[in-house]
Every structure is written in C-alpha cells, then in structure tokens.
C-alpha cells in the first residue's frame, strides 16, 4: 500500500511540475506573441492560437506526457514568433545606435 501511495505522489508531482513549466512557458510565449502578432500571417496566428488552446486543454488533464507534447507543439508553432521578435529586436538595436 505504501508503494502505491508513493507512486501516486510521484505521478502527482510530475504532473504539477509539467503544469507549472507549461504555464510559465505559455506566459512568456504569449508576451512575445503579443509584441509581434501584427506582423504574423493569419496562418501563423492560427497555428499559435491553436497550440495555446492545446496546452490549456492538456494542463487540465492528469498526464504529464500529454502536457509536455502540447508544449513542444507550442514551441513549433511559435517559431515565426521567435523569428519576428529576433528581427524586431535587431532592428531596434540598429536604429538606436548613435551615428558616428
């Protein structure tokens, strides 16, 4: 009985950790998305928003693997966000350099 209880506790801990990581990553990606969404295509926006929905649904469940898979798909869908955010950051740095 103790082994079964310990196994349940371990599973619960794993799910909680996966949820916490998913929430943190989702929060950060959502901030980046909000900064560049005007520059994204409708397909890119749709893919990102669908991946966000999938993460939110996965975190309501009790399977850490499902949560982690949804987060991986979110990162795939966020690749245009990363590219445009990087490009935007580079352009800002270039435009703020003093002329010599």
N, C-alpha and C. Protein backbone atom coordinates (compact mmCIF):
# COMPACT_ATOMS: atom_id res chain seq x y z
N UNK A 1 0.81 -1.17 0.00
CA UNK A 1 0.00 0.00 0.00
C UNK A 1 0.87 1.26 0.00
N UNK A 2 1.96 1.24 0.73
CA UNK A 2 2.87 2.37 0.77
C UNK A 2 3.50 2.62 -0.60
N UNK A 3 3.87 1.56 -1.29
CA UNK A 3 4.46 1.70 -2.63
C UNK A 3 3.47 2.36 -3.58
N UNK A 4 2.21 1.94 -3.48
CA UNK A 4 1.17 2.50 -4.34
C UNK A 4 0.98 3.99 -4.04
N UNK A 5 0.98 4.35 -2.78
CA UNK A 5 0.83 5.74 -2.38
C UNK A 5 2.01 6.58 -2.87
N UNK A 6 3.21 6.05 -2.72
CA UNK A 6 4.40 6.75 -3.19
C UNK A 6 4.37 6.94 -4.70
N UNK A 7 3.90 5.93 -5.41
CA UNK A 7 3.78 6.01 -6.86
C UNK A 7 2.79 7.10 -7.26
N UNK A 8 1.66 7.19 -6.56
CA UNK A 8 0.66 8.21 -6.84
C UNK A 8 1.20 9.61 -6.54
N UNK A 9 1.95 9.73 -5.46
CA UNK A 9 2.55 11.02 -5.10
C UNK A 9 3.56 11.45 -6.16
N UNK A 10 4.38 10.50 -6.62
CA UNK A 10 5.37 10.80 -7.65
C UNK A 10 4.68 11.25 -8.94
N UNK A 11 3.61 10.56 -9.31
CA UNK A 11 2.88 10.93 -10.53
C UNK A 11 2.27 12.33 -10.37
N UNK A 12 1.69 12.61 -9.23
CA UNK A 12 1.09 13.92 -8.99
C UNK A 12 2.15 15.02 -9.06
N UNK A 13 3.31 14.76 -8.49
CA UNK A 13 4.40 15.73 -8.52
C UNK A 13 4.84 15.99 -9.96
N UNK A 14 4.94 14.94 -10.74
CA UNK A 14 5.35 15.07 -12.14
C UNK A 14 4.34 15.90 -12.93
N UNK A 15 3.06 15.66 -12.69
CA UNK A 15 2.01 16.42 -13.38
C UNK A 15 2.05 17.88 -12.96
N UNK A 16 2.20 18.13 -11.68
CA UNK A 16 2.26 19.51 -11.17
C UNK A 16 3.45 20.25 -11.77
N UNK A 17 4.60 19.60 -11.82
CA UNK A 17 5.78 20.23 -12.40
C UNK A 17 5.57 20.52 -13.88
N UNK A 18 4.97 19.58 -14.61
CA UNK A 18 4.70 19.79 -16.04
C UNK A 18 3.73 20.96 -16.24
N UNK A 19 2.71 21.04 -15.41
CA UNK A 19 1.76 22.15 -15.49
C UNK A 19 2.44 23.49 -15.22
N UNK A 20 3.25 23.52 -14.17
CA UNK A 20 3.93 24.77 -13.81
C UNK A 20 4.87 25.23 -14.94
N UNK A 21 5.62 24.30 -15.50
CA UNK A 21 6.51 24.65 -16.61
C UNK A 21 5.70 25.11 -17.82
N UNK A 22 4.62 24.42 -18.12
CA UNK A 22 3.77 24.80 -19.25
C UNK A 22 3.20 26.19 -19.05
N UNK A 23 2.72 26.48 -17.86
CA UNK A 23 2.16 27.80 -17.56
C UNK A 23 3.21 28.90 -17.73
N UNK A 24 4.41 28.67 -17.22
CA UNK A 24 5.47 29.67 -17.32
C UNK A 24 5.87 29.89 -18.77
N UNK A 25 6.04 28.81 -19.52
CA UNK A 25 6.43 28.94 -20.91
C UNK A 25 5.32 29.59 -21.73
N UNK A 26 4.10 29.23 -21.44
CA UNK A 26 2.97 29.82 -22.14
C UNK A 26 2.90 31.32 -21.87
N UNK A 27 3.12 31.71 -20.64
CA UNK A 27 3.10 33.13 -20.29
C UNK A 27 4.15 33.91 -21.07
N UNK A 28 5.37 33.39 -21.10
CA UNK A 28 6.46 34.07 -21.82
C UNK A 28 6.21 34.12 -23.32
N UNK A 29 5.74 33.01 -23.88
CA UNK A 29 5.47 32.99 -25.31
C UNK A 29 4.31 33.91 -25.68
N UNK A 30 3.32 33.98 -24.81
CA UNK A 30 2.18 34.85 -25.07
C UNK A 30 2.62 36.33 -25.10
N UNK A 31 3.55 36.69 -24.21
CA UNK A 31 4.07 38.06 -24.22
C UNK A 31 4.79 38.34 -25.54
N UNK A 32 5.62 37.41 -25.98
CA UNK A 32 6.33 37.58 -27.25
C UNK A 32 5.34 37.66 -28.41
N UNK A 33 4.34 36.81 -28.39
CA UNK A 33 3.32 36.80 -29.44
C UNK A 33 2.60 38.14 -29.50
N UNK A 34 2.23 38.67 -28.36
CA UNK A 34 1.52 39.95 -28.32
C UNK A 34 2.36 41.08 -28.92
N UNK A 35 3.67 40.99 -28.76
CA UNK A 35 4.56 42.02 -29.31
C UNK A 35 4.64 42.00 -30.83
N UNK A 36 4.50 40.82 -31.43
CA UNK A 36 4.73 40.70 -32.88
C UNK A 36 3.51 40.24 -33.67
N UNK A 37 2.37 40.07 -33.04
CA UNK A 37 1.25 39.46 -33.74
C UNK A 37 0.79 40.25 -34.96
N UNK A 38 1.00 41.57 -34.98
CA UNK A 38 0.61 42.36 -36.14
C UNK A 38 1.43 42.00 -37.37
N UNK A 39 2.61 41.44 -37.16
CA UNK A 39 3.49 41.11 -38.27
C UNK A 39 3.35 39.66 -38.74
N UNK A 40 2.53 38.88 -38.05
CA UNK A 40 2.34 37.47 -38.39
C UNK A 40 1.23 37.31 -39.43
N UNK A 41 1.35 36.25 -40.21
CA UNK A 41 0.29 35.93 -41.16
C UNK A 41 -0.88 35.31 -40.39
N UNK A 42 -2.02 35.25 -41.03
CA UNK A 42 -3.19 34.63 -40.40
C UNK A 42 -2.92 33.16 -40.08
N UNK A 43 -2.21 32.46 -40.95
CA UNK A 43 -1.87 31.05 -40.70
C UNK A 43 -0.97 30.91 -39.47
N UNK A 44 0.00 31.80 -39.35
CA UNK A 44 0.90 31.76 -38.19
C UNK A 44 0.14 32.05 -36.91
N UNK A 45 -0.75 33.05 -36.96
CA UNK A 45 -1.56 33.37 -35.77
C UNK A 45 -2.45 32.19 -35.40
N UNK A 46 -3.08 31.60 -36.39
CA UNK A 46 -3.99 30.48 -36.15
C UNK A 46 -3.24 29.29 -35.54
N UNK A 47 -2.07 28.98 -36.09
CA UNK A 47 -1.27 27.86 -35.57
C UNK A 47 -0.87 28.11 -34.12
N UNK A 48 -0.44 29.33 -33.83
CA UNK A 48 -0.03 29.66 -32.46
C UNK A 48 -1.22 29.56 -31.51
N UNK A 49 -2.33 30.16 -31.89
CA UNK A 49 -3.51 30.16 -31.02
C UNK A 49 -4.06 28.75 -30.81
N UNK A 50 -3.99 27.91 -31.83
CA UNK A 50 -4.41 26.51 -31.68
C UNK A 50 -3.50 25.77 -30.71
N UNK A 51 -2.21 26.04 -30.81
CA UNK A 51 -1.25 25.40 -29.90
C UNK A 51 -1.46 25.87 -28.46
N UNK A 52 -1.79 27.14 -28.29
CA UNK A 52 -2.09 27.66 -26.94
C UNK A 52 -3.30 26.94 -26.37
N UNK A 53 -4.33 26.78 -27.19
CA UNK A 53 -5.54 26.07 -26.75
C UNK A 53 -5.20 24.64 -26.35
N UNK A 54 -4.35 23.99 -27.13
CA UNK A 54 -3.96 22.60 -26.84
C UNK A 54 -3.21 22.51 -25.51
N UNK A 55 -2.34 23.48 -25.23
CA UNK A 55 -1.62 23.48 -23.95
C UNK A 55 -2.60 23.68 -22.80
N UNK A 56 -3.52 24.63 -22.97
CA UNK A 56 -4.50 24.87 -21.91
C UNK A 56 -5.35 23.63 -21.64
N UNK A 57 -5.75 22.93 -22.69
CA UNK A 57 -6.52 21.70 -22.52
C UNK A 57 -5.68 20.62 -21.85
N UNK A 58 -4.43 20.50 -22.27
CA UNK A 58 -3.56 19.47 -21.71
C UNK A 58 -3.31 19.70 -20.22
N UNK A 59 -3.18 20.97 -19.81
CA UNK A 59 -2.89 21.24 -18.41
C UNK A 59 -4.10 20.99 -17.50
N UNK A 60 -5.26 20.83 -18.09
CA UNK A 60 -6.44 20.47 -17.29
C UNK A 60 -6.47 18.97 -17.00
N UNK A 61 -5.66 18.22 -17.73
CA UNK A 61 -5.63 16.78 -17.55
C UNK A 61 -4.62 16.33 -16.51
N UNK A 62 -4.43 15.04 -16.45
CA UNK A 62 -3.56 14.44 -15.43
C UNK A 62 -2.38 13.68 -16.04
N UNK A 63 -2.02 14.00 -17.28
CA UNK A 63 -0.95 13.27 -17.96
C UNK A 63 0.19 14.22 -18.30
N UNK A 64 1.31 14.06 -17.63
CA UNK A 64 2.47 14.92 -17.84
C UNK A 64 3.00 14.80 -19.27
N UNK A 65 2.98 13.61 -19.84
CA UNK A 65 3.47 13.44 -21.21
C UNK A 65 2.62 14.22 -22.20
N UNK A 66 1.32 14.23 -22.01
CA UNK A 66 0.43 14.98 -22.89
C UNK A 66 0.72 16.48 -22.77
N UNK A 67 0.94 16.94 -21.56
CA UNK A 67 1.27 18.35 -21.33
C UNK A 67 2.58 18.70 -22.04
N UNK A 68 3.59 17.87 -21.86
CA UNK A 68 4.89 18.13 -22.47
C UNK A 68 4.83 18.11 -23.99
N UNK A 69 4.04 17.20 -24.55
CA UNK A 69 3.87 17.14 -26.00
C UNK A 69 3.18 18.40 -26.51
N UNK A 70 2.18 18.88 -25.79
CA UNK A 70 1.48 20.10 -26.19
C UNK A 70 2.42 21.30 -26.15
N UNK A 71 3.28 21.35 -25.16
CA UNK A 71 4.25 22.44 -25.07
C UNK A 71 5.25 22.37 -26.22
N UNK A 72 5.68 21.17 -26.57
CA UNK A 72 6.59 21.02 -27.72
C UNK A 72 5.94 21.53 -29.00
N UNK A 73 4.68 21.21 -29.19
CA UNK A 73 3.95 21.69 -30.38
C UNK A 73 3.78 23.20 -30.32
N UNK A 74 3.63 23.75 -29.13
CA UNK A 74 3.52 25.20 -28.98
C UNK A 74 4.82 25.86 -29.44
N UNK A 75 5.96 25.30 -29.05
CA UNK A 75 7.23 25.87 -29.47
C UNK A 75 7.40 25.79 -30.99
N UNK A 76 6.92 24.71 -31.59
CA UNK A 76 6.97 24.60 -33.05
C UNK A 76 6.13 25.70 -33.68
N UNK A 77 4.92 25.90 -33.16
CA UNK A 77 4.02 26.92 -33.69
C UNK A 77 4.54 28.33 -33.42
N UNK A 78 5.38 28.47 -32.42
CA UNK A 78 5.91 29.79 -32.05
C UNK A 78 7.17 30.15 -32.81
N UNK A 79 7.67 29.29 -33.67
CA UNK A 79 8.91 29.62 -34.39
C UNK A 79 8.80 30.91 -35.19
N UNK A 80 7.67 31.21 -35.86
CA UNK A 80 7.58 32.52 -36.53
C UNK A 80 7.60 33.69 -35.54
N UNK A 81 7.06 33.46 -34.36
CA UNK A 81 7.09 34.50 -33.32
C UNK A 81 8.54 34.79 -32.93
N UNK A 82 9.32 33.72 -32.71
CA UNK A 82 10.73 33.90 -32.36
C UNK A 82 11.47 34.65 -33.46
N UNK A 83 11.23 34.24 -34.70
CA UNK A 83 11.93 34.85 -35.83
C UNK A 83 11.61 36.34 -35.93
N UNK A 84 10.34 36.67 -35.80
CA UNK A 84 9.95 38.08 -35.94
C UNK A 84 10.37 38.89 -34.72
N UNK A 85 10.36 38.29 -33.56
CA UNK A 85 10.81 39.00 -32.36
C UNK A 85 12.31 39.27 -32.46
N UNK A 86 13.07 38.30 -32.92
CA UNK A 86 14.51 38.48 -33.09
C UNK A 86 14.79 39.58 -34.11
N UNK A 87 14.07 39.52 -35.21
CA UNK A 87 14.23 40.54 -36.25
C UNK A 87 13.86 41.92 -35.70
N UNK A 88 12.79 42.00 -34.94
CA UNK A 88 12.35 43.26 -34.36
C UNK A 88 13.38 43.80 -33.37
N UNK A 89 13.93 42.92 -32.54
CA UNK A 89 14.95 43.33 -31.57
C UNK A 89 16.20 43.83 -32.27
N UNK A 90 16.59 43.15 -33.33
CA UNK A 90 17.77 43.55 -34.09
C UNK A 90 17.55 44.92 -34.72
N UNK A 91 16.38 45.12 -35.29
CA UNK A 91 16.08 46.41 -35.91
C UNK A 91 16.07 47.53 -34.88
N UNK A 92 15.57 47.27 -33.69
CA UNK A 92 15.56 48.28 -32.64
C UNK A 92 16.97 48.65 -32.22
N UNK A 93 17.84 47.64 -32.10
CA UNK A 93 19.22 47.91 -31.70
C UNK A 93 19.93 48.73 -32.78
N UNK A 94 19.69 48.39 -34.05
CA UNK A 94 20.33 49.11 -35.13
C UNK A 94 19.85 50.55 -35.16
N UNK A 95 18.55 50.76 -34.98
CA UNK A 95 18.00 52.11 -35.07
C UNK A 95 18.37 52.99 -33.86
N UNK A 96 18.75 52.37 -32.76
CA UNK A 96 19.11 53.16 -31.58
C UNK A 96 20.61 53.40 -31.45
N UNK A 97 21.40 52.83 -32.38
CA UNK A 97 22.85 53.08 -32.33
C UNK A 97 23.10 54.52 -32.75
N UNK A 98 23.98 55.22 -32.02
CA UNK A 98 24.29 56.60 -32.39
C UNK A 98 25.09 56.64 -33.70
N UNK A 99 24.83 57.65 -34.49
CA UNK A 99 25.61 57.83 -35.73
C UNK A 99 26.98 58.36 -35.37
N UNK A 100 27.97 57.89 -36.08
CA UNK A 100 29.35 58.34 -35.81
C UNK A 100 29.84 59.19 -36.91
